[in-house]
Protein backbone atom coordinates (compact mmCIF):
# COMPACT_ATOMS: atom_id res chain seq x y z
CA MET A 1 0.00 0.00 0.00
CA LEU A 2 0.97 3.62 -0.38
CA SER A 3 1.80 5.25 2.92
CA ARG A 4 2.51 8.70 1.48
CA LEU A 5 1.65 10.44 -1.76
CA VAL A 6 3.21 13.73 -2.87
CA LEU A 7 2.07 15.68 -5.94
CA THR A 8 3.85 18.68 -7.39
CA ASP A 9 2.37 20.70 -10.25
CA PHE A 10 0.09 17.80 -11.17
CA ARG A 11 -3.18 18.83 -12.85
CA ASN A 12 -4.78 21.37 -10.46
CA HIS A 13 -2.54 20.49 -7.50
CA ALA A 14 0.46 22.77 -7.09
CA ASP A 15 1.61 20.96 -3.95
CA LEU A 16 -0.34 18.19 -2.23
CA THR A 17 0.75 15.63 0.36
CA LEU A 18 -1.51 12.83 1.63
CA VAL A 19 -0.62 10.28 4.31
CA PRO A 20 -3.19 7.48 3.98
CA GLY A 21 -3.46 4.42 6.16
CA ALA A 22 -4.36 0.85 5.34
CA GLY A 23 -7.81 -0.06 4.11
CA PHE A 24 -10.09 2.56 2.64
CA VAL A 25 -8.88 5.99 1.51
CA VAL A 26 -11.81 8.34 0.94
CA LEU A 27 -11.41 11.56 -1.04
CA THR A 28 -14.34 13.97 -0.89
CA GLY A 29 -14.84 17.50 -2.13
CA GLU A 30 -16.82 19.63 -4.53
CA ASN A 31 -16.66 19.16 -8.28
CA GLY A 32 -13.37 20.57 -9.49
CA ALA A 33 -11.47 19.83 -6.28
CA GLY A 34 -9.22 17.39 -8.13
CA LYS A 35 -10.29 14.10 -6.57
CA THR A 36 -9.94 12.13 -9.81
CA ASN A 37 -6.64 13.89 -10.40
CA VAL A 38 -5.27 12.29 -7.23
CA LEU A 39 -6.35 8.86 -8.44
CA GLU A 40 -4.71 9.55 -11.79
CA ALA A 41 -1.48 10.45 -10.03
CA VAL A 42 -1.51 7.13 -8.16
CA SER A 43 -2.18 5.29 -11.42
CA LEU A 44 1.02 6.78 -12.86
CA LEU A 45 3.06 4.95 -10.23
CA ALA A 46 2.46 1.89 -12.41
CA PRO A 47 3.45 1.24 -16.04
CA GLY A 48 1.35 2.86 -18.73
CA ARG A 49 -0.33 6.21 -19.25
CA GLY A 50 -2.64 6.10 -16.26
CA LEU A 51 -6.37 5.92 -15.87
CA ARG A 52 -7.06 8.79 -18.30
CA GLN A 53 -4.53 7.70 -20.95
CA ALA A 54 -3.41 11.34 -21.11
CA THR A 55 -0.25 12.69 -22.64
CA LEU A 56 2.40 13.67 -20.12
CA SER A 57 2.26 17.36 -21.01
CA ALA A 58 -1.51 17.36 -20.36
CA VAL A 59 -1.12 16.42 -16.70
CA ALA A 60 1.35 19.21 -15.88
CA ARG A 61 -0.38 22.04 -14.01
CA GLN A 62 -1.55 24.90 -16.18
CA GLY A 63 0.38 27.98 -15.20
CA GLY A 64 3.11 25.85 -13.63
CA PRO A 65 6.72 25.45 -14.76
CA GLY A 66 5.82 22.78 -17.32
CA GLY A 67 6.90 19.60 -15.55
CA PHE A 68 5.25 17.58 -12.80
CA GLY A 69 6.18 15.12 -10.07
CA VAL A 70 4.42 12.23 -8.35
CA ALA A 71 6.07 10.39 -5.46
CA GLY A 72 4.78 7.51 -3.41
CA SER A 73 6.24 5.66 -0.42
CA LEU A 74 5.54 2.01 0.31
CA SER A 75 6.92 -0.51 2.73
CA PRO A 76 7.88 -3.90 1.22
CA SER A 77 8.30 -5.37 4.69
CA ARG A 78 4.60 -4.82 5.32
CA LEU A 79 3.10 -5.17 1.88
CA ARG A 80 1.56 -8.54 2.65
CA GLU A 81 -0.44 -7.07 5.50
CA GLY A 82 -1.12 -3.84 3.64
CA LEU A 83 0.39 -1.76 6.44
CA GLY A 84 3.02 0.95 6.49
CA GLU A 85 3.59 4.64 7.05
CA GLY A 86 6.10 6.68 5.10
CA PRO A 87 8.48 9.48 5.99
CA PRO A 88 7.98 13.06 4.88
CA THR A 89 8.91 13.59 1.25
CA SER A 90 9.08 16.65 -0.99
CA ALA A 91 8.27 16.07 -4.62
CA PHE A 92 10.64 18.75 -5.92
CA PRO A 93 13.47 19.34 -3.43
CA ASP A 94 16.29 21.62 -4.53
CA GLY A 95 14.51 22.41 -7.79
CA GLN A 96 14.94 18.90 -9.15
CA PRO A 97 12.27 17.61 -11.54
CA LEU A 98 11.58 14.46 -9.50
CA PRO A 99 11.56 13.42 -5.85
CA GLN A 100 14.95 12.60 -4.37
CA PRO A 101 15.45 9.68 -1.97
CA LEU A 102 15.40 10.50 1.70
CA PRO A 103 16.41 8.12 4.51
CA GLN A 104 13.67 5.52 4.54
CA ALA A 105 12.51 4.03 7.82
CA GLY A 106 11.73 0.33 7.94
CA GLY A 107 13.02 -0.39 4.47
CA GLU A 108 10.45 1.78 2.73
CA ILE A 109 10.66 2.21 -1.03
CA LEU A 110 10.23 5.54 -2.79
CA LEU A 111 8.69 5.43 -6.26
CA ALA A 112 8.66 8.60 -8.33
CA THR A 113 7.68 9.67 -11.81
CA GLY A 114 7.25 12.91 -13.69
CA THR A 115 8.72 15.16 -16.34
CA ALA A 116 11.19 18.01 -16.46
CA PRO A 117 9.99 21.38 -17.83
CA SER A 118 12.58 21.14 -20.61
CA ALA A 119 11.17 17.80 -21.85
CA PRO A 120 7.42 17.72 -21.08
CA GLU A 121 6.78 14.48 -23.01
CA ARG A 122 9.75 12.49 -21.69
CA ARG A 123 8.75 10.43 -18.70
CA ILE A 124 11.29 10.01 -15.93
CA VAL A 125 11.01 7.19 -13.40
CA ARG A 126 13.06 6.70 -10.26
CA ILE A 127 13.01 3.89 -7.74
CA GLN A 128 14.90 4.77 -4.58
CA GLY A 129 16.37 7.68 -6.51
CA ALA A 130 17.88 5.51 -9.22
CA ALA A 131 16.72 5.88 -12.82
CA ALA A 132 14.43 3.05 -13.94
CA SER A 133 12.07 2.15 -16.74
CA ALA A 134 8.32 2.61 -16.31
CA THR A 135 7.86 -1.15 -16.68
CA ALA A 136 9.99 -1.68 -13.54
CA LEU A 137 7.28 -0.05 -11.44
CA ALA A 138 5.17 -3.20 -11.86
CA GLU A 139 7.64 -5.12 -9.70
CA TRP A 140 6.83 -2.91 -6.70
CA LEU A 141 3.24 -1.75 -6.97
CA THR A 142 0.09 -3.13 -8.58
CA VAL A 143 -2.59 -0.54 -9.34
CA LEU A 144 -6.05 -1.26 -10.76
CA TRP A 145 -8.86 1.18 -11.35
CA LEU A 146 -12.48 1.68 -12.32
CA THR A 147 -13.77 5.03 -13.56
CA PRO A 148 -17.20 6.18 -14.76
CA ALA A 149 -15.83 6.14 -18.33
CA MET A 150 -15.29 2.39 -18.00
CA ASP A 151 -19.00 1.75 -17.44
CA ARG A 152 -19.24 1.34 -21.23
CA LEU A 153 -16.30 -1.06 -21.45
CA PHE A 154 -18.40 -3.91 -22.81
CA VAL A 155 -19.82 -1.85 -25.69
CA GLU A 156 -16.63 0.04 -26.54
CA PRO A 157 -14.19 -1.11 -29.26
CA ALA A 158 -12.14 -4.23 -28.53
CA SER A 159 -9.03 -2.12 -27.92
CA GLU A 160 -10.51 -0.86 -24.64
CA ARG A 161 -11.14 -4.39 -23.38
CA ARG A 162 -7.62 -5.43 -24.41
CA ARG A 163 -6.21 -2.54 -22.41
CA PHE A 164 -8.29 -3.61 -19.41
CA LEU A 165 -7.16 -7.22 -19.80
CA ASP A 166 -3.53 -6.19 -20.11
CA ARG A 167 -3.77 -4.24 -16.86
CA LEU A 168 -5.14 -7.37 -15.14
CA THR A 169 -2.39 -9.47 -16.73
CA LEU A 170 0.38 -7.08 -15.77
CA ALA A 171 -0.55 -7.47 -12.10
CA LEU A 172 0.17 -11.20 -12.34
CA SER A 173 3.03 -11.06 -14.84
CA PRO A 174 5.20 -7.90 -14.50
CA GLY A 175 7.13 -8.80 -17.66
CA HIS A 176 3.95 -8.46 -19.71
CA ALA A 177 4.55 -4.75 -20.28
CA VAL A 178 8.00 -5.37 -21.77
CA HIS A 179 6.63 -7.92 -24.24
CA ALA A 180 3.75 -5.60 -25.15
CA ASN A 181 6.06 -2.64 -25.77
CA ARG A 182 8.47 -4.64 -27.92
CA TYR A 183 5.66 -6.24 -29.88
CA GLU A 184 4.12 -2.83 -30.62
CA ALA A 185 7.48 -1.38 -31.67
CA ALA A 186 8.15 -4.26 -34.07
CA MET A 187 4.65 -4.04 -35.50
CA ARG A 188 4.93 -0.29 -36.11
CA ALA A 189 8.24 -0.82 -37.92
CA ARG A 190 6.72 -3.63 -40.04
CA ASN A 191 3.72 -1.47 -40.93
CA ARG A 192 6.03 1.34 -42.04
CA LEU A 193 7.98 -1.03 -44.30
CA LEU A 194 4.79 -2.38 -45.86
CA ALA A 195 3.49 1.16 -46.41
CA GLU A 196 6.71 2.06 -48.19
CA ALA A 197 6.42 -1.09 -50.30
CA ALA A 198 2.87 -0.14 -51.24
CA GLU A 199 4.26 3.13 -52.63
CA GLY A 200 6.75 1.25 -54.78
CA ALA A 201 9.82 1.25 -52.55
CA ARG A 202 12.05 -1.81 -52.38
CA ILE A 203 12.23 -3.27 -48.91
CA ASP A 204 14.75 -5.47 -47.13
CA GLY A 205 13.13 -8.89 -46.90
CA GLU A 206 15.53 -10.03 -44.18
CA TRP A 207 14.73 -7.02 -42.03
CA LEU A 208 11.01 -7.59 -42.56
CA GLY A 209 11.43 -11.23 -41.56
CA ALA A 210 13.38 -10.23 -38.46
CA LEU A 211 10.58 -7.88 -37.40
CA GLU A 212 8.04 -10.63 -37.90
CA ALA A 213 10.16 -12.98 -35.81
CA GLN A 214 10.22 -10.39 -33.02
CA MET A 215 6.46 -10.02 -33.22
CA ALA A 216 6.06 -13.79 -33.03
CA GLU A 217 8.36 -14.07 -30.01
CA HIS A 218 6.74 -11.32 -27.99
CA GLY A 219 3.26 -12.07 -29.32
CA ALA A 220 3.51 -15.63 -28.01
CA ALA A 221 4.43 -14.32 -24.54
CA ILE A 222 1.58 -11.79 -24.62
CA ASP A 223 -0.94 -14.43 -25.67
CA ALA A 224 0.23 -16.96 -23.08
CA ALA A 225 0.09 -14.43 -20.22
CA ARG A 226 -3.37 -13.24 -21.21
CA ARG A 227 -4.69 -16.80 -21.44
CA GLU A 228 -3.26 -17.70 -18.05
CA THR A 229 -4.89 -14.61 -16.52
CA VAL A 230 -8.27 -15.32 -18.13
CA ALA A 231 -8.18 -18.97 -17.05
CA ALA A 232 -7.18 -18.24 -13.44
CA LEU A 233 -9.57 -15.32 -13.01
CA GLY A 234 -12.40 -17.16 -14.76
CA ALA A 235 -11.98 -20.12 -12.44
CA ARG A 236 -12.02 -17.86 -9.39
CA LEU A 237 -15.19 -16.10 -10.59
CA ALA A 238 -16.93 -19.38 -11.45
CA GLY A 239 -16.22 -20.74 -7.98
CA GLN A 240 -17.74 -17.80 -6.16
CA ALA A 241 -21.20 -17.91 -4.64
CA GLU A 242 -23.90 -15.64 -6.02
CA GLY A 243 -23.73 -12.28 -4.28
CA PRO A 244 -24.38 -8.58 -4.84
CA PHE A 245 -22.13 -8.51 -7.90
CA ALA A 246 -22.83 -10.51 -11.02
CA ARG A 247 -20.40 -13.34 -11.75
CA ALA A 248 -18.61 -12.93 -15.04
CA GLY A 249 -17.53 -15.63 -17.46
CA LEU A 250 -14.35 -14.74 -19.35
CA ALA A 251 -12.99 -15.89 -22.70
CA LEU A 252 -10.67 -14.67 -25.46
CA GLU A 253 -12.08 -14.09 -28.93
CA GLY A 254 -10.82 -12.72 -32.22
CA TRP A 255 -7.30 -13.73 -33.15
CA THR A 256 -6.62 -17.15 -31.65
CA GLY A 257 -3.49 -18.24 -33.52
CA ALA A 258 -0.70 -19.88 -31.59
CA GLY A 259 2.49 -17.93 -31.09
CA ASP A 260 4.61 -20.52 -32.90
CA THR A 261 2.66 -19.95 -36.14
CA LEU A 262 2.48 -16.15 -36.02
CA ALA A 263 5.72 -15.55 -37.94
CA ALA A 264 4.48 -17.74 -40.80
CA ASP A 265 1.04 -16.07 -40.71
CA LEU A 266 2.65 -12.64 -40.94
CA ALA A 267 4.92 -13.65 -43.81
CA GLN A 268 2.02 -15.11 -45.76
CA GLY A 269 -0.19 -12.10 -45.03
CA ARG A 270 2.14 -9.34 -46.22
CA ARG A 271 0.14 -8.47 -49.33
CA ARG A 272 -3.11 -8.55 -47.37
CA ASP A 273 -1.67 -6.30 -44.66
CA MET A 274 -0.15 -4.00 -47.28
CA ALA A 275 -3.58 -3.51 -48.84
CA ALA A 276 -5.24 -3.01 -45.44
CA GLY A 277 -2.58 -0.61 -44.22
CA ARG A 278 -2.23 -2.48 -40.93
CA THR A 279 -1.35 -5.88 -39.48
CA LEU A 280 -4.38 -8.18 -39.35
CA ALA A 281 -2.96 -11.12 -37.38
CA GLY A 282 -1.58 -11.18 -33.87
CA PRO A 283 -2.56 -10.65 -30.24
CA HIS A 284 -3.45 -7.02 -30.96
CA ARG A 285 -6.54 -8.47 -32.69
CA THR A 286 -7.76 -10.35 -29.59
CA ASP A 287 -10.90 -9.39 -27.68
CA LEU A 288 -11.97 -10.13 -24.10
CA ALA A 289 -15.46 -11.64 -24.14
CA VAL A 290 -17.42 -11.28 -20.88
CA THR A 291 -20.66 -13.09 -20.08
CA HIS A 292 -23.14 -12.62 -17.25
CA LEU A 293 -23.10 -16.19 -15.91
CA GLY A 294 -26.35 -15.86 -14.00
CA LYS A 295 -28.25 -14.80 -17.11
CA GLY A 296 -26.16 -16.57 -19.72
CA GLN A 297 -25.99 -13.27 -21.60
CA ALA A 298 -23.15 -11.33 -23.18
CA ALA A 299 -22.12 -8.38 -21.03
CA GLY A 300 -22.67 -5.97 -23.91
CA LEU A 301 -26.38 -6.87 -23.90
CA CYS A 302 -26.83 -6.40 -20.15
CA SER A 303 -28.18 -3.28 -18.47
CA THR A 304 -25.83 -0.49 -17.42
CA GLY A 305 -26.21 -1.50 -13.79
CA GLU A 306 -25.46 -5.13 -14.57
CA GLN A 307 -22.39 -4.15 -16.57
CA LYS A 308 -21.07 -2.10 -13.66
CA ALA A 309 -21.73 -5.02 -11.30
CA LEU A 310 -19.81 -7.33 -13.64
CA LEU A 311 -16.86 -4.96 -13.70
CA LEU A 312 -16.82 -4.64 -9.93
CA GLY A 313 -17.00 -8.41 -9.56
CA ILE A 314 -14.06 -8.87 -11.93
CA VAL A 315 -11.90 -6.30 -10.16
CA ILE A 316 -12.67 -7.62 -6.68
CA ALA A 317 -11.97 -11.22 -7.74
CA HIS A 318 -8.77 -10.13 -9.47
CA ALA A 319 -7.56 -8.32 -6.35
CA GLY A 320 -7.94 -11.57 -4.42
CA LEU A 321 -6.15 -13.50 -7.15
CA VAL A 322 -3.22 -11.07 -7.14
CA ALA A 323 -2.89 -11.32 -3.36
CA GLN A 324 -2.99 -15.12 -3.56
CA ARG A 325 -0.47 -15.40 -6.40
CA THR A 326 1.99 -12.65 -5.45
CA GLY A 327 1.52 -12.15 -1.71
CA ARG A 328 1.04 -8.45 -2.48
CA ARG A 329 -2.30 -6.72 -2.33
CA PRO A 330 -3.04 -4.30 -5.17
CA VAL A 331 -4.05 -0.68 -4.76
CA LEU A 332 -7.58 -0.17 -6.09
CA LEU A 333 -8.73 3.21 -7.43
CA LEU A 334 -12.52 3.53 -7.63
CA ASP A 335 -13.73 6.86 -9.00
CA GLU A 336 -17.30 7.80 -8.03
CA VAL A 337 -18.04 4.12 -7.48
CA ALA A 338 -20.74 4.72 -4.83
CA ALA A 339 -22.54 7.60 -6.53
CA HIS A 340 -25.40 5.60 -8.06
CA LEU A 341 -25.76 2.83 -5.51
CA ASP A 342 -28.47 2.66 -2.85
CA PRO A 343 -27.35 2.30 0.80
CA ARG A 344 -27.83 -1.49 0.81
CA ARG A 345 -25.69 -2.01 -2.27
CA ARG A 346 -23.09 0.46 -1.02
CA ALA A 347 -22.80 -1.52 2.20
CA ALA A 348 -22.43 -4.75 0.18
CA LEU A 349 -19.73 -3.13 -1.96
CA PHE A 350 -17.74 -1.89 1.03
CA ALA A 351 -18.00 -5.29 2.70
CA ALA A 352 -16.68 -6.99 -0.46
CA LEU A 353 -13.78 -4.54 -0.67
CA ALA A 354 -12.83 -4.73 3.00
CA ASP A 355 -10.13 -7.37 2.57
CA THR A 356 -8.80 -6.48 -0.87
CA GLY A 357 -6.04 -4.10 0.24
CA GLN A 358 -5.82 -0.33 0.01
CA VAL A 359 -8.89 1.06 -1.76
CA TRP A 360 -9.03 4.71 -2.86
CA MET A 361 -12.54 6.06 -3.49
CA THR A 362 -13.90 9.45 -4.46
CA GLY A 363 -17.24 11.15 -3.87
CA THR A 364 -18.74 14.58 -3.56
CA GLU A 365 -20.03 14.08 0.00
CA ASP A 366 -19.27 12.06 3.12
CA ALA A 367 -22.79 10.60 3.19
CA LEU A 368 -21.84 8.29 0.30
CA PHE A 369 -19.46 6.48 2.65
CA ALA A 370 -21.66 6.28 5.74
CA GLU A 371 -21.79 2.48 5.45
CA LEU A 372 -18.01 2.13 5.70
CA SER A 373 -16.75 0.13 8.64
CA GLY A 374 -13.23 -0.65 9.73
CA THR A 375 -10.08 1.32 8.94
CA ALA A 376 -10.53 4.35 6.70
CA SER A 377 -8.61 7.55 5.98
CA HIS A 378 -10.73 10.55 5.01
CA PHE A 379 -9.45 13.58 3.10
CA THR A 380 -11.50 16.58 2.03
CA LEU A 381 -9.96 18.39 -0.93
CA PRO A 382 -10.70 22.12 -1.34
CA VAL A 383 -11.42 23.60 -4.73
CA PRO A 384 -8.25 25.46 -5.82
CA ARG A 385 -8.77 29.20 -6.14
C-alpha cells in the first residue's frame, strides 16, 4: 500500500501531500477539487499512461513550470499485511524535476515519476532515486482502477477491453509490459515497411522477416500471459457464490493463432496487410469476451447497472487472485463508485472490498461512505482558487 503520496504541479494540485493508512482511503470534495486527479497520479506509479490515458504534457499544471512530479512511499516489509507509514517527502526538493530519496525508515521504497519542464513528453522514473524504466514499477506496486468512463467497457471497441485485460495481466506477470512494448514497436516498424512497399519502394526482406520474428516471439508471450490470466480469473469467478455482484464468465475471442505460427502467418499475409494498411494477425486483434453467468448473456447486452456489477465483480476477484499469487495486495482506485448505488448495495460493496487491500474512493459528500466500517482515511480536498 501507499503510505505517502506527494504531488507537485500535477493537474490542479500545485503541492499536495496525503498520508493514507491501510484499508479505505476516501477523497471527498466539490466538483473541481481534483479528486480524480489524485487517483490519476496514483495510477502513474504503475506502467502505462494512467487511468485517463493522457499525454504527459496534459497532466502538468496549467500555469506551472511545465513539468510535474508524483512520489509515493511504500513498505515492502509490510506489503503482505497492507500496512506501512512513510516518511515526509518533498516532490521537488532543490529544484529537481523528480523526488529525491530520503532516509527511509523500515526499508520503505520511494517510487517517483514525472517530467522536467525542458522535456514535457519524456517520462522520468526513479526507484529509490535511481533511474528506472516505467515497466519496472510493476515489480513494486500493482494498481487497478475503475472510472465512470469504464461503465461502457463492454460496448466500446475491442481495444478498450484489451487494455483492461492487459492491466489485469500485468498485475500477475510484470514482464507483460516489456513484451507488449516490444511487440508494438516491431509491429509499427513492419507497418512502415509495408506502407513504403505499397508506394513502390524496395524493402529489405531479411529485415522484414526479423521484425516478424520479433512479433512472433513477444506475441507468443503476450498471448500466453493473457490466457493464463483469463483462465485463473475465470476459475475464481466461477467458484464464487452468487452475491451482490454478477459473476462474469471470461474468454478470449478474435485472433486465436498460436504464437509458434504467427511468424508464418505474418509472412504469408504481407500483401493482405499491405492492402489493409495495418497488421491483421496477432494478439493485438484479440478481444476479451465477458458473459453474465447468471443470465447466460453477453455483457454488452446487459443493463448499465449489470455491466457495472460485472466490472466490480471482476476487479474484486482479481484483487484476491493477485494477493494469492503474489503475496502483495493491489491498490484499487474507484472513482465515483458509490454515486449511483443505494445504501444497501453500497454496504455490500464496502464489505466486499474490505479485505482487498488499500482502496481509494472518491465522492462529492461524506454521506456516500456512511456504510463504511473498519479502517478508513478521510481527506476533504478544497477547490483550488
